[in-house]
């Protein structure tokens, strides 16, 4: 009788543990990424794209020979 009680208790604890882990796992869903289209304009043959609003200090980098990408940053020049 004692062995049966230990088995039932072990099974109940195991099922409870799995249930708690399943509930906890549901709370750690990946965040949703929301994106907005870039604002781009042409300057001669160059395409300049801005991420967000134009700020005084922009961090710009050349993506290829005709494209520059700028985002808010510490003002590094291309």
Protein backbone atom coordinates (compact mmCIF):
# COMPACT_ATOMS: atom_id res chain seq x y z
CA UNK A 1 0.00 0.00 0.00
CA UNK A 2 2.86 2.37 0.84
CA UNK A 3 4.58 1.65 -2.51
CA UNK A 4 1.36 2.49 -4.37
CA UNK A 5 1.04 5.81 -2.52
CA UNK A 6 4.64 6.71 -3.39
CA UNK A 7 4.06 5.87 -7.08
CA UNK A 8 0.83 7.90 -7.22
CA UNK A 9 2.53 10.84 -5.46
CA UNK A 10 5.51 10.66 -7.85
CA UNK A 11 3.23 10.62 -10.90
CA UNK A 12 1.15 13.51 -9.54
CA UNK A 13 4.28 15.58 -8.83
CA UNK A 14 5.63 14.83 -12.31
CA UNK A 15 2.41 15.88 -14.02
CA UNK A 16 2.23 19.01 -11.85
CA UNK A 17 5.84 19.89 -12.74
CA UNK A 18 5.14 19.47 -16.48
CA UNK A 19 2.00 21.61 -16.21
CA UNK A 20 3.89 24.40 -14.40
CA UNK A 21 6.70 24.28 -17.00
CA UNK A 22 4.16 24.47 -19.84
CA UNK A 23 2.46 27.50 -18.29
CA UNK A 24 5.82 29.20 -17.62
CA UNK A 25 6.98 28.52 -21.20
CA UNK A 26 3.90 30.27 -22.60
CA UNK A 27 4.92 33.43 -20.73
CA UNK A 28 8.24 33.63 -22.60
CA UNK A 29 6.95 34.28 -26.10
CA UNK A 30 9.21 36.05 -28.54
CA UNK A 31 8.62 39.80 -28.90
CA UNK A 32 6.84 41.06 -31.98
CA UNK A 33 8.91 43.28 -34.25
CA UNK A 34 7.10 46.23 -35.75
CA UNK A 35 8.70 47.94 -38.70
CA UNK A 36 8.03 51.08 -40.67
CA UNK A 37 9.04 51.90 -44.22
CA UNK A 38 12.23 53.93 -44.61
CA UNK A 39 12.03 57.44 -45.95
CA UNK A 40 14.38 57.66 -48.93
CA UNK A 41 15.20 60.39 -51.40
CA UNK A 42 17.49 60.74 -54.39
CA UNK A 43 20.37 63.20 -54.50
CA UNK A 44 21.77 62.99 -58.02
CA UNK A 45 22.58 59.31 -58.53
CA UNK A 46 22.75 58.65 -54.75
CA UNK A 47 19.85 57.14 -52.82
CA UNK A 48 19.78 58.33 -49.20
CA UNK A 49 17.53 56.48 -46.73
CA UNK A 50 16.69 57.68 -43.21
CA UNK A 51 15.60 55.47 -40.33
CA UNK A 52 12.97 57.42 -38.40
CA UNK A 53 13.01 61.19 -38.04
CA UNK A 54 15.91 63.36 -39.20
CA UNK A 55 17.96 64.38 -36.15
CA UNK A 56 20.90 66.75 -35.76
CA UNK A 57 23.26 63.83 -35.23
CA UNK A 58 22.91 60.97 -37.67
CA UNK A 59 25.03 57.85 -38.03
CA UNK A 60 25.37 57.26 -41.78
CA UNK A 61 27.01 54.41 -43.63
CA UNK A 62 27.48 53.63 -47.30
CA UNK A 63 25.70 50.39 -48.20
CA UNK A 64 26.92 50.30 -51.79
CA UNK A 65 28.25 52.76 -54.37
CA UNK A 66 24.84 54.43 -54.79
CA UNK A 67 23.13 53.99 -51.40
CA UNK A 68 23.63 55.69 -48.02
CA UNK A 69 21.71 54.63 -44.91
CA UNK A 70 21.37 57.05 -41.95
CA UNK A 71 20.00 56.37 -38.48
CA UNK A 72 19.91 58.38 -35.25
CA UNK A 73 23.34 58.12 -33.64
CA UNK A 74 26.48 59.94 -32.70
CA UNK A 75 27.03 61.82 -35.95
CA UNK A 76 29.67 59.76 -37.74
CA UNK A 77 30.07 60.91 -41.31
CA UNK A 78 30.25 58.72 -44.42
